[in-house]
PDB file of N, CA and C in Angstrom:
ATOM      1  N   MET A   1      17.650  -2.735  26.311  1.00  0.00           N
ATOM      2  CA  MET A   1      16.564  -3.318  25.052  1.00  0.00           C
ATOM      3  C   MET A   1      17.542  -3.265  24.273  1.00  0.00           C
ATOM      4  N   GLY A   2      17.704  -4.506  23.135  1.00  0.00           N
ATOM      5  CA  GLY A   2      18.375  -4.574  21.773  1.00  0.00           C
ATOM      6  C   GLY A   2      17.956  -4.079  20.978  1.00  0.00           C
ATOM      7  N   VAL A   3      19.031  -3.874  19.697  1.00  0.00           N
ATOM      8  CA  VAL A   3      18.411  -2.755  18.996  1.00  0.00           C
ATOM      9  C   VAL A   3      17.420  -3.811  17.851  1.00  0.00           C
ATOM     10  N   THR A   4      16.647  -3.473  17.102  1.00  0.00           N
ATOM     11  CA  THR A   4      15.542  -4.035  16.399  1.00  0.00           C
ATOM     12  C   THR A   4      16.388  -4.053  14.709  1.00  0.00           C
ATOM     13  N   LYS A   5      16.337  -5.666  14.505  1.00  0.00           N
ATOM     14  CA  LYS A   5      16.736  -5.623  13.187  1.00  0.00           C
ATOM     15  C   LYS A   5      16.031  -3.997  12.302  1.00  0.00           C
ATOM     16  N   SER A   6      15.397  -3.601  12.460  1.00  0.00           N
ATOM     17  CA  SER A   6      15.141  -2.281  11.413  1.00  0.00           C
ATOM     18  C   SER A   6      16.101  -0.867  11.624  1.00  0.00           C
ATOM     19  N   ALA A   7      16.149  -1.209  12.537  1.00  0.00           N
ATOM     20  CA  ALA A   7      17.277   0.011  13.348  1.00  0.00           C
ATOM     21  C   ALA A   7      18.826   0.180  12.923  1.00  0.00           C
ATOM     22  N   LEU A   8      19.083  -1.099  12.227  1.00  0.00           N
ATOM     23  CA  LEU A   8      20.075  -1.132  11.556  1.00  0.00           C
ATOM     24  C   LEU A   8      19.987  -0.659  10.006  1.00  0.00           C
ATOM     25  N   PHE A   9      19.081  -0.125   9.512  1.00  0.00           N
ATOM     26  CA  PHE A   9      19.131   0.400   8.470  1.00  0.00           C
ATOM     27  C   PHE A   9      18.427   1.727   8.316  1.00  0.00           C
ATOM     28  N   SER A  10      18.867   2.800   7.368  1.00  0.00           N
ATOM     29  CA  SER A  10      18.507   3.781   7.046  1.00  0.00           C
ATOM     30  C   SER A  10      16.648   3.779   6.905  1.00  0.00           C
ATOM     31  N   ASP A  11      16.252   5.307   7.427  1.00  0.00           N
ATOM     32  CA  ASP A  11      14.495   5.481   7.402  1.00  0.00           C
ATOM     33  C   ASP A  11      14.251   5.417   6.232  1.00  0.00           C
ATOM     34  N   LYS A  12      15.117   5.616   5.017  1.00  0.00           N
ATOM     35  CA  LYS A  12      14.714   4.980   3.350  1.00  0.00           C
ATOM     36  C   LYS A  12      14.607   3.936   3.407  1.00  0.00           C
ATOM     37  N   LYS A  13      15.861   3.332   3.588  1.00  0.00           N
ATOM     38  CA  LYS A  13      15.289   1.337   3.332  1.00  0.00           C
ATOM     39  C   LYS A  13      14.395   1.047   4.134  1.00  0.00           C
ATOM     40  N   ASN A  14      13.537   1.420   5.290  1.00  0.00           N
ATOM     41  CA  ASN A  14      12.800   1.156   5.971  1.00  0.00           C
ATOM     42  C   ASN A  14      11.229   1.407   5.446  1.00  0.00           C
ATOM     43  N   ARG A  15      11.282   2.393   4.628  1.00  0.00           N
ATOM     44  CA  ARG A  15      10.418   3.255   4.582  1.00  0.00           C
ATOM     45  C   ARG A  15       9.562   2.565   3.450  1.00  0.00           C
ATOM     46  N   LEU A  16      10.839   1.867   2.037  1.00  0.00           N
ATOM     47  CA  LEU A  16      10.823   1.470   1.351  1.00  0.00           C
ATOM     48  C   LEU A  16      10.493  -0.079   1.124  1.00  0.00           C
ATOM     49  N   SER A  17      11.020  -0.575   2.418  1.00  0.00           N
ATOM     50  CA  SER A  17      10.232  -1.829   2.993  1.00  0.00           C
ATOM     51  C   SER A  17       9.143  -2.058   3.160  1.00  0.00           C
ATOM     52  N   ALA A  18       8.740  -1.330   4.193  1.00  0.00           N
ATOM     53  CA  ALA A  18       7.351  -0.885   4.153  1.00  0.00           C
ATOM     54  C   ALA A  18       6.351  -0.913   3.113  1.00  0.00           C
ATOM     55  N   MET A  19       6.657  -0.253   2.090  1.00  0.00           N
ATOM     56  CA  MET A  19       5.905   0.076   0.810  1.00  0.00           C
ATOM     57  C   MET A  19       5.901  -1.130   0.187  1.00  0.00           C
ATOM     58  N   PHE A  20       6.865  -1.863  -0.201  1.00  0.00           N
ATOM     59  CA  PHE A  20       7.075  -2.817  -0.566  1.00  0.00           C
ATOM     60  C   PHE A  20       5.762  -4.227   0.358  1.00  0.00           C
ATOM     61  N   LYS A  21       6.009  -4.299   1.314  1.00  0.00           N
ATOM     62  CA  LYS A  21       4.848  -5.089   2.636  1.00  0.00           C
ATOM     63  C   LYS A  21       3.829  -4.949   2.357  1.00  0.00           C
ATOM     64  N   VAL A  22       3.395  -3.564   2.154  1.00  0.00           N
ATOM     65  CA  VAL A  22       2.101  -3.019   2.398  1.00  0.00           C
ATOM     66  C   VAL A  22       1.238  -3.422   0.444  1.00  0.00           C
ATOM     67  N   LEU A  23       2.055  -3.785   0.410  1.00  0.00           N
ATOM     68  CA  LEU A  23       1.531  -4.172  -1.438  1.00  0.00           C
ATOM     69  C   LEU A  23       1.993  -5.839  -1.531  1.00  0.00           C
ATOM     70  N   GLY A  24       2.255  -6.196  -0.726  1.00  0.00           N
ATOM     71  CA  GLY A  24       2.493  -7.772  -0.635  1.00  0.00           C
ATOM     72  C   GLY A  24       1.883  -8.701  -0.299  1.00  0.00           C
ATOM     73  N   HIS A  25       0.288  -8.195  -0.018  1.00  0.00           N
ATOM     74  CA  HIS A  25      -1.040  -8.768   0.174  1.00  0.00           C
ATOM     75  C   HIS A  25      -2.157  -8.923  -1.273  1.00  0.00           C
ATOM     76  N   PRO A  26      -2.620  -9.688  -1.800  1.00  0.00           N
ATOM     77  CA  PRO A  26      -3.263  -9.584  -3.143  1.00  0.00           C
ATOM     78  C   PRO A  26      -4.356  -9.255  -3.099  1.00  0.00           C
ATOM     79  N   ALA A  27      -4.742  -9.083  -1.678  1.00  0.00           N
ATOM     80  CA  ALA A  27      -6.236  -8.171  -1.167  1.00  0.00           C
ATOM     81  C   ALA A  27      -6.294  -6.659  -1.239  1.00  0.00           C
ATOM     82  N   ARG A  28      -4.917  -6.289  -0.864  1.00  0.00           N
ATOM     83  CA  ARG A  28      -4.448  -5.229  -0.546  1.00  0.00           C
ATOM     84  C   ARG A  28      -4.811  -4.482  -2.147  1.00  0.00           C
ATOM     85  N   LEU A  29      -3.710  -5.132  -3.033  1.00  0.00           N
ATOM     86  CA  LEU A  29      -3.972  -5.237  -4.667  1.00  0.00           C
ATOM     87  C   LEU A  29      -5.201  -4.943  -5.169  1.00  0.00           C
ATOM     88  N   ALA A  30      -5.959  -5.572  -4.774  1.00  0.00           N
ATOM     89  CA  ALA A  30      -7.209  -6.026  -5.584  1.00  0.00           C
ATOM     90  C   ALA A  30      -8.039  -4.565  -4.497  1.00  0.00           C
ATOM     91  N   ILE A  31      -8.030  -4.234  -3.890  1.00  0.00           N
ATOM     92  CA  ILE A  31      -8.546  -2.822  -2.943  1.00  0.00           C
ATOM     93  C   ILE A  31      -8.279  -2.406  -3.905  1.00  0.00           C
ATOM     94  N   LEU A  32      -6.967  -1.700  -3.906  1.00  0.00           N
ATOM     95  CA  LEU A  32      -6.278  -0.534  -5.000  1.00  0.00           C
ATOM     96  C   LEU A  32      -6.610  -0.775  -6.303  1.00  0.00           C
ATOM     97  N   GLN A  33      -6.779  -1.853  -7.096  1.00  0.00           N
ATOM     98  CA  GLN A  33      -7.316  -1.634  -8.120  1.00  0.00           C
ATOM     99  C   GLN A  33      -8.494  -1.220  -8.413  1.00  0.00           C
ATOM    100  N   TYR A  34      -9.518  -2.004  -7.243  1.00  0.00           N
ATOM    101  CA  TYR A  34     -10.828  -1.718  -7.485  1.00  0.00           C
ATOM    102  C   TYR A  34     -10.988  -0.132  -7.336  1.00  0.00           C
ATOM    103  N   ILE A  35     -10.521   0.217  -6.543  1.00  0.00           N
ATOM    104  CA  ILE A  35     -10.698   1.963  -6.201  1.00  0.00           C
ATOM    105  C   ILE A  35     -10.356   2.978  -7.363  1.00  0.00           C
ATOM    106  N   ILE A  36      -9.687   2.426  -7.966  1.00  0.00           N
ATOM    107  CA  ILE A  36      -8.437   2.845  -9.356  1.00  0.00           C
ATOM    108  C   ILE A  36      -9.269   2.662 -10.371  1.00  0.00           C
ATOM    109  N   ASN A  37     -10.274   1.807 -10.660  1.00  0.00           N
ATOM    110  CA  ASN A  37     -10.795   1.580 -11.648  1.00  0.00           C
ATOM    111  C   ASN A  37     -12.441   2.211 -11.324  1.00  0.00           C
ATOM    112  N   GLN A  38     -12.427   2.379  -9.901  1.00  0.00           N
ATOM    113  CA  GLN A  38     -13.717   3.296  -9.812  1.00  0.00           C
ATOM    114  C   GLN A  38     -13.877   4.344 -10.281  1.00  0.00           C
ATOM    115  N   LYS A  39     -12.544   5.185 -10.283  1.00  0.00           N
ATOM    116  CA  LYS A  39     -12.459   6.682 -10.422  1.00  0.00           C
ATOM    117  C   LYS A  39     -13.324   7.767  -9.639  1.00  0.00           C
ATOM    118  N   VAL A  40     -13.663   6.975  -8.701  1.00  0.00           N
ATOM    119  CA  VAL A  40     -14.062   7.829  -7.380  1.00  0.00           C
ATOM    120  C   VAL A  40     -14.349   7.390  -6.002  1.00  0.00           C
ATOM    121  N   CYS A  41     -14.335   7.898  -5.196  1.00  0.00           N
ATOM    122  CA  CYS A  41     -14.373   7.462  -3.725  1.00  0.00           C
ATOM    123  C   CYS A  41     -15.320   6.136  -3.120  1.00  0.00           C
ATOM    124  N   ILE A  42     -14.760   5.240  -2.801  1.00  0.00           N
ATOM    125  CA  ILE A  42     -15.461   3.749  -2.421  1.00  0.00           C
ATOM    126  C   ILE A  42     -16.057   4.140  -1.333  1.00  0.00           C
ATOM    127  N   CYS A  43     -17.407   3.612  -1.093  1.00  0.00           N
ATOM    128  CA  CYS A  43     -18.290   3.658   0.552  1.00  0.00           C
ATOM    129  C   CYS A  43     -18.402   2.366   0.414  1.00  0.00           C
ATOM    130  N   ASN A  44     -17.789   1.350   1.296  1.00  0.00           N
ATOM    131  CA  ASN A  44     -18.525  -0.041   1.708  1.00  0.00           C
ATOM    132  C   ASN A  44     -18.897  -0.789   0.535  1.00  0.00           C
ATOM    133  N   ASP A  45     -17.965  -0.875  -0.992  1.00  0.00           N
ATOM    134  CA  ASP A  45     -18.492  -1.814  -1.272  1.00  0.00           C
ATOM    135  C   ASP A  45     -17.405  -2.978  -1.792  1.00  0.00           C
ATOM    136  N   LEU A  46     -17.023  -2.885  -0.740  1.00  0.00           N
ATOM    137  CA  LEU A  46     -15.913  -4.112  -1.424  1.00  0.00           C
ATOM    138  C   LEU A  46     -16.044  -5.499  -0.451  1.00  0.00           C
ATOM    139  N   VAL A  47     -17.051  -5.572   0.374  1.00  0.00           N
ATOM    140  CA  VAL A  47     -17.279  -6.942   0.981  1.00  0.00           C
ATOM    141  C   VAL A  47     -17.995  -7.776  -0.467  1.00  0.00           C
ATOM    142  N   GLU A  48     -18.820  -7.045  -1.042  1.00  0.00           N
ATOM    143  CA  GLU A  48     -19.502  -8.040  -2.175  1.00  0.00           C
ATOM    144  C   GLU A  48     -18.565  -7.783  -3.185  1.00  0.00           C
ATOM    145  N   GLU A  49     -17.641  -6.659  -3.538  1.00  0.00           N
ATOM    146  CA  GLU A  49     -16.700  -6.902  -4.794  1.00  0.00           C
ATOM    147  C   GLU A  49     -15.635  -7.939  -4.676  1.00  0.00           C
ATOM    148  N   LEU A  50     -15.022  -8.455  -3.595  1.00  0.00           N
ATOM    149  CA  LEU A  50     -13.730  -9.274  -3.141  1.00  0.00           C
ATOM    150  C   LEU A  50     -14.044 -10.471  -2.877  1.00  0.00           C
ATOM    151  N   GLY A  51     -14.984 -10.336  -1.971  1.00  0.00           N
ATOM    152  CA  GLY A  51     -15.734 -11.694  -1.574  1.00  0.00           C
ATOM    153  C   GLY A  51     -15.090 -12.085  -0.146  1.00  0.00           C
ATOM    154  N   LEU A  52     -14.353 -11.048   0.166  1.00  0.00           N
ATOM    155  CA  LEU A  52     -13.922 -11.248   1.656  1.00  0.00           C
ATOM    156  C   LEU A  52     -14.935 -10.595   3.155  1.00  0.00           C
ATOM    157  N   ALA A  53     -14.433 -11.168   4.374  1.00  0.00           N
ATOM    158  CA  ALA A  53     -15.240 -10.686   5.546  1.00  0.00           C
ATOM    159  C   ALA A  53     -14.756  -9.069   5.603  1.00  0.00           C
ATOM    160  N   GLN A  54     -16.095  -8.350   5.957  1.00  0.00           N
ATOM    161  CA  GLN A  54     -15.747  -7.341   6.475  1.00  0.00           C
ATOM    162  C   GLN A  54     -14.351  -6.888   7.278  1.00  0.00           C
ATOM    163  N   ALA A  55     -14.651  -7.643   8.272  1.00  0.00           N
ATOM    164  CA  ALA A  55     -13.128  -7.480   9.041  1.00  0.00           C
ATOM    165  C   ALA A  55     -12.233  -7.840   8.594  1.00  0.00           C
ATOM    166  N   THR A  56     -11.940  -8.146   7.499  1.00  0.00           N
ATOM    167  CA  THR A  56     -10.535  -8.321   6.486  1.00  0.00           C
ATOM    168  C   THR A  56     -10.580  -7.233   5.543  1.00  0.00           C
ATOM    169  N   ILE A  57     -11.431  -7.095   5.293  1.00  0.00           N
ATOM    170  CA  ILE A  57     -11.201  -5.686   4.479  1.00  0.00           C
ATOM    171  C   ILE A  57     -10.828  -4.149   5.342  1.00  0.00           C
ATOM    172  N   SER A  58     -11.687  -4.235   6.534  1.00  0.00           N
ATOM    173  CA  SER A  58     -11.337  -3.229   7.465  1.00  0.00           C
ATOM    174  C   SER A  58      -9.675  -3.346   7.461  1.00  0.00           C
ATOM    175  N   GLN A  59      -9.275  -4.774   8.127  1.00  0.00           N
ATOM    176  CA  GLN A  59      -7.656  -4.326   8.323  1.00  0.00           C
ATOM    177  C   GLN A  59      -6.722  -4.293   6.978  1.00  0.00           C
ATOM    178  N   HIS A  60      -7.595  -4.955   5.950  1.00  0.00           N
ATOM    179  CA  HIS A  60      -6.366  -4.396   4.710  1.00  0.00           C
ATOM    180  C   HIS A  60      -6.338  -3.087   4.721  1.00  0.00           C
ATOM    181  N   LEU A  61      -7.813  -2.186   4.762  1.00  0.00           N
ATOM    182  CA  LEU A  61      -7.804  -0.720   4.581  1.00  0.00           C
ATOM    183  C   LEU A  61      -6.929   0.325   5.511  1.00  0.00           C
ATOM    184  N   LYS A  62      -7.128  -0.364   6.699  1.00  0.00           N
ATOM    185  CA  LYS A  62      -6.235   0.296   8.093  1.00  0.00           C
ATOM    186  C   LYS A  62      -4.639   0.159   7.359  1.00  0.00           C
ATOM    187  N   GLU A  63      -4.408  -0.885   6.639  1.00  0.00           N
ATOM    188  CA  GLU A  63      -3.026  -1.068   6.660  1.00  0.00           C
ATOM    189  C   GLU A  63      -2.426  -0.198   5.163  1.00  0.00           C
ATOM    190  N   LEU A  64      -3.262   0.137   4.077  1.00  0.00           N
ATOM    191  CA  LEU A  64      -3.399   1.167   3.014  1.00  0.00           C
ATOM    192  C   LEU A  64      -3.473   2.224   3.658  1.00  0.00           C
ATOM    193  N   LYS A  65      -4.258   2.774   4.610  1.00  0.00           N
ATOM    194  CA  LYS A  65      -4.359   4.025   5.187  1.00  0.00           C
ATOM    195  C   LYS A  65      -2.982   4.720   6.270  1.00  0.00           C
ATOM    196  N   THR A  66      -2.687   3.509   6.942  1.00  0.00           N
ATOM    197  CA  THR A  66      -1.628   3.777   7.625  1.00  0.00           C
ATOM    198  C   THR A  66      -0.312   4.178   6.843  1.00  0.00           C
ATOM    199  N   ILE A  67       0.268   3.705   5.756  1.00  0.00           N
ATOM    200  CA  ILE A  67       1.014   3.903   4.838  1.00  0.00           C
ATOM    201  C   ILE A  67       1.184   5.027   4.084  1.00  0.00           C
ATOM    202  N   GLY A  68      -0.298   5.575   4.103  1.00  0.00           N
ATOM    203  CA  GLY A  68      -1.147   6.986   3.714  1.00  0.00           C
ATOM    204  C   GLY A  68      -1.567   6.669   2.082  1.00  0.00           C
ATOM    205  N   LEU A  69      -1.115   5.379   1.639  1.00  0.00           N
ATOM    206  CA  LEU A  69      -1.618   5.009   0.409  1.00  0.00           C
ATOM    207  C   LEU A  69      -3.540   5.935   0.298  1.00  0.00           C
ATOM    208  N   LEU A  70      -4.115   5.359   1.043  1.00  0.00           N
ATOM    209  CA  LEU A  70      -5.613   5.637   1.169  1.00  0.00           C
ATOM    210  C   LEU A  70      -5.603   7.096   2.214  1.00  0.00           C
ATOM    211  N   GLN A  71      -6.706   7.654   1.943  1.00  0.00           N
ATOM    212  CA  GLN A  71      -7.819   8.846   2.420  1.00  0.00           C
ATOM    213  C   GLN A  71      -8.633   8.383   2.659  1.00  0.00           C
ATOM    214  N   GLY A  72      -9.229   8.678   3.602  1.00  0.00           N
ATOM    215  CA  GLY A  72     -10.462   8.190   4.399  1.00  0.00           C
ATOM    216  C   GLY A  72     -11.465   9.232   4.987  1.00  0.00           C
ATOM    217  N   THR A  73     -12.407   9.144   4.916  1.00  0.00           N
ATOM    218  CA  THR A  73     -13.583  10.586   5.289  1.00  0.00           C
ATOM    219  C   THR A  73     -15.007   9.574   5.775  1.00  0.00           C
ATOM    220  N   VAL A  74     -15.230  10.325   6.683  1.00  0.00           N
ATOM    221  CA  VAL A  74     -16.370   9.499   7.688  1.00  0.00           C
ATOM    222  C   VAL A  74     -17.745  10.443   7.407  1.00  0.00           C
ATOM    223  N   GLU A  75     -18.647   9.781   6.635  1.00  0.00           N
ATOM    224  CA  GLU A  75     -20.039  10.456   6.041  1.00  0.00           C
ATOM    225  C   GLU A  75     -21.409   9.572   6.759  1.00  0.00           C
ATOM    226  N   GLY A  76     -21.439   9.673   7.981  1.00  0.00           N
ATOM    227  CA  GLY A  76     -22.537   9.172   8.681  1.00  0.00           C
ATOM    228  C   GLY A  76     -21.750   7.970   9.450  1.00  0.00           C
ATOM    229  N   LYS A  77     -22.281   6.741   8.943  1.00  0.00           N
ATOM    230  CA  LYS A  77     -22.045   5.377   9.689  1.00  0.00           C
ATOM    231  C   LYS A  77     -20.953   4.410   8.675  1.00  0.00           C
ATOM    232  N   SER A  78     -20.226   5.291   7.216  1.00  0.00           N
ATOM    233  CA  SER A  78     -19.621   4.849   6.388  1.00  0.00           C
ATOM    234  C   SER A  78     -18.533   5.555   6.292  1.00  0.00           C
ATOM    235  N   VAL A  79     -17.179   4.967   6.137  1.00  0.00           N
ATOM    236  CA  VAL A  79     -16.392   5.402   5.460  1.00  0.00           C
ATOM    237  C   VAL A  79     -16.037   5.494   4.012  1.00  0.00           C
ATOM    238  N   CYS A  80     -15.503   6.309   3.635  1.00  0.00           N
ATOM    239  CA  CYS A  80     -15.351   6.513   2.548  1.00  0.00           C
ATOM    240  C   CYS A  80     -13.526   6.508   2.112  1.00  0.00           C
ATOM    241  N   TYR A  81     -13.078   6.055   0.906  1.00  0.00           N
ATOM    242  CA  TYR A  81     -11.874   5.555   0.756  1.00  0.00           C
ATOM    243  C   TYR A  81     -11.552   6.225  -0.656  1.00  0.00           C
ATOM    244  N   CYS A  82     -10.297   6.713  -0.503  1.00  0.00           N
ATOM    245  CA  CYS A  82      -9.767   7.279  -1.649  1.00  0.00           C
ATOM    246  C   CYS A  82      -8.335   7.038  -2.249  1.00  0.00           C
ATOM    247  N   ILE A  83      -7.630   6.681  -3.161  1.00  0.00           N
ATOM    248  CA  ILE A  83      -6.316   6.908  -2.852  1.00  0.00           C
ATOM    249  C   ILE A  83      -5.735   8.579  -2.988  1.00  0.00           C
ATOM    250  N   ASP A  84      -4.409   8.219  -2.130  1.00  0.00           N
ATOM    251  CA  ASP A  84      -3.790   9.696  -2.187  1.00  0.00           C
ATOM    252  C   ASP A  84      -2.909  10.086  -2.940  1.00  0.00           C
ATOM    253  N   GLU A  85      -3.065  10.699  -4.016  1.00  0.00           N
ATOM    254  CA  GLU A  85      -2.450  10.636  -5.225  1.00  0.00           C
ATOM    255  C   GLU A  85      -0.705  11.620  -5.296  1.00  0.00           C
ATOM    256  N   VAL A  86      -0.929  12.149  -4.029  1.00  0.00           N
ATOM    257  CA  VAL A  86       0.780  12.722  -3.419  1.00  0.00           C
ATOM    258  C   VAL A  86       1.727  11.198  -2.939  1.00  0.00           C
ATOM    259  N   VAL A  87       0.669  10.597  -2.200  1.00  0.00           N
ATOM    260  CA  VAL A  87       1.401   9.201  -2.118  1.00  0.00           C
ATOM    261  C   VAL A  87       1.753   8.276  -2.900  1.00  0.00           C
ATOM    262  N   TRP A  88       0.553   7.987  -3.578  1.00  0.00           N
ATOM    263  CA  TRP A  88       0.732   7.221  -4.785  1.00  0.00           C
ATOM    264  C   TRP A  88       1.806   7.217  -5.719  1.00  0.00           C
ATOM    265  N   GLN A  89       1.634   8.522  -5.874  1.00  0.00           N
ATOM    266  CA  GLN A  89       3.080   9.393  -6.754  1.00  0.00           C
ATOM    267  C   GLN A  89       4.418   8.760  -6.098  1.00  0.00           C
ATOM    268  N   GLU A  90       4.609   8.841  -4.909  1.00  0.00           N
ATOM    269  CA  GLU A  90       5.881   8.929  -3.624  1.00  0.00           C
ATOM    270  C   GLU A  90       6.142   7.259  -3.946  1.00  0.00           C
ATOM    271  N   PHE A  91       5.192   6.404  -4.043  1.00  0.00           N
ATOM    272  CA  PHE A  91       5.665   5.309  -4.575  1.00  0.00           C
ATOM    273  C   PHE A  91       5.564   4.641  -5.540  1.00  0.00           C
ATOM    274  N   ALA A  92       5.524   5.288  -7.147  1.00  0.00           N
ATOM    275  CA  ALA A  92       6.061   5.080  -8.263  1.00  0.00           C
ATOM    276  C   ALA A  92       6.841   5.962  -8.349  1.00  0.00           C
ATOM    277  N   SER A  93       7.658   7.107  -7.602  1.00  0.00           N
ATOM    278  CA  SER A  93       8.854   6.940  -7.948  1.00  0.00           C
ATOM    279  C   SER A  93       9.961   6.545  -6.794  1.00  0.00           C
ATOM    280  N   GLU A  94       9.562   5.713  -5.785  1.00  0.00           N
ATOM    281  CA  GLU A  94      10.510   5.344  -5.304  1.00  0.00           C
ATOM    282  C   GLU A  94      10.865   4.025  -5.401  1.00  0.00           C
ATOM    283  N   PHE A  95       9.947   2.758  -6.362  1.00  0.00           N
ATOM    284  CA  PHE A  95      10.212   1.980  -6.987  1.00  0.00           C
ATOM    285  C   PHE A  95      10.532   2.019  -8.209  1.00  0.00           C
ATOM    286  N   GLN A  96      10.585   3.358  -9.006  1.00  0.00           N
ATOM    287  CA  GLN A  96      11.005   2.969 -10.624  1.00  0.00           C
ATOM    288  C   GLN A  96      12.418   3.830  -9.774  1.00  0.00           C
ATOM    289  N   LEU A  97      13.047   4.375  -8.720  1.00  0.00           N
ATOM    290  CA  LEU A  97      14.243   4.292  -8.367  1.00  0.00           C
ATOM    291  C   LEU A  97      14.832   3.257  -8.110  1.00  0.00           C
ATOM    292  N   PHE A  98      14.485   2.330  -7.226  1.00  0.00           N
ATOM    293  CA  PHE A  98      15.169   1.184  -6.992  1.00  0.00           C
ATOM    294  C   PHE A  98      15.041   0.384  -8.331  1.00  0.00           C
ATOM    295  N   PHE A  99      14.016   0.112  -8.898  1.00  0.00           N
ATOM    296  CA  PHE A  99      14.555  -0.759 -10.102  1.00  0.00           C
ATOM    297  C   PHE A  99      15.255  -0.381 -11.418  1.00  0.00           C
ATOM    298  N   ALA A 100      15.214   0.937 -11.560  1.00  0.00           N
ATOM    299  CA  ALA A 100      16.401   1.545 -12.060  1.00  0.00           C
ATOM    300  C   ALA A 100      17.960   1.371 -11.986  1.00  0.00           C
ATOM    301  N   GLN A 101      18.018   0.812 -10.824  1.00  0.00           N
ATOM    302  CA  GLN A 101      19.442   0.513 -10.405  1.00  0.00           C
ATOM    303  C   GLN A 101      20.006  -0.696 -11.911  1.00  0.00           C
ATOM    304  N   ASN A 102      21.380   0.055 -12.122  1.00  0.00           N
ATOM    305  CA  ASN A 102      21.842  -0.811 -13.035  1.00  0.00           C
ATOM    306  C   ASN A 102      22.619  -1.654 -12.406  1.00  0.00           C
ATOM    307  N   ILE A 103      21.998  -3.171 -13.683  1.00  0.00           N
ATOM    308  CA  ILE A 103      23.109  -4.421 -12.451  1.00  0.00           C
ATOM    309  C   ILE A 103      23.920  -5.241 -13.526  1.00  0.00           C
ATOM    310  N   GLU A 104      25.265  -5.347 -13.350  1.00  0.00           N
ATOM    311  CA  GLU A 104      26.226  -5.489 -13.991  1.00  0.00           C
ATOM    312  C   GLU A 104      26.697  -6.655 -13.595  1.00  0.00           C
ATOM    313  N   ILE A 105      26.604  -7.995 -13.770  1.00  0.00           N
ATOM    314  CA  ILE A 105      26.995  -8.831 -13.068  1.00  0.00           C
ATOM    315  C   ILE A 105      27.994 -10.019 -14.044  1.00  0.00           C
ATOM    316  N   ASP A 106      28.985 -10.228 -13.859  1.00  0.00           N
ATOM    317  CA  ASP A 106      29.890 -11.187 -14.500  1.00  0.00           C
ATOM    318  C   ASP A 106      29.572 -12.137 -14.153  1.00  0.00           C
ATOM    319  N   LYS A 107      29.387 -13.137 -15.099  1.00  0.00           N
ATOM    320  CA  LYS A 107      28.664 -14.432 -15.477  1.00  0.00           C
ATOM    321  C   LYS A 107      28.853 -15.296 -14.235  1.00  0.00           C
ATOM    322  N   CYS A 108      28.375 -15.616 -13.423  1.00  0.00           N
ATOM    323  CA  CYS A 108      28.580 -16.474 -12.371  1.00  0.00           C
ATOM    324  C   CYS A 108      27.930 -17.453 -12.254  1.00  0.00           C
ATOM    325  N   CYS A 109      26.623 -17.207 -12.327  1.00  0.00           N
ATOM    326  CA  CYS A 109      25.541 -18.650 -12.694  1.00  0.00           C
ATOM    327  C   CYS A 109      25.831 -19.469 -14.032  1.00  0.00           C
TER     328      CYS A 109
END
């Protein structure tokens, strides 16, 4: 079997890429923003709030949970979600390091 393109890069670069990718969809950003604004865990409020189908929201929640940004707890038939503060800070630190790189470009454009 051949080498995948992601295998050509370090684990750190692949993790940073996954972090950017999971935040690359406006529905996921809306979900995170909604949870942040609520200041509490959310349970089943997203369909009405975002106007998306339950299946679509479930898929986006799964992606956010897989990367670790969301934690979920089962309460009866519903699942409640909140932001994992440790992972949130990891994202913030990694993005800050990435964008804090000094860019020195001679006039070429």
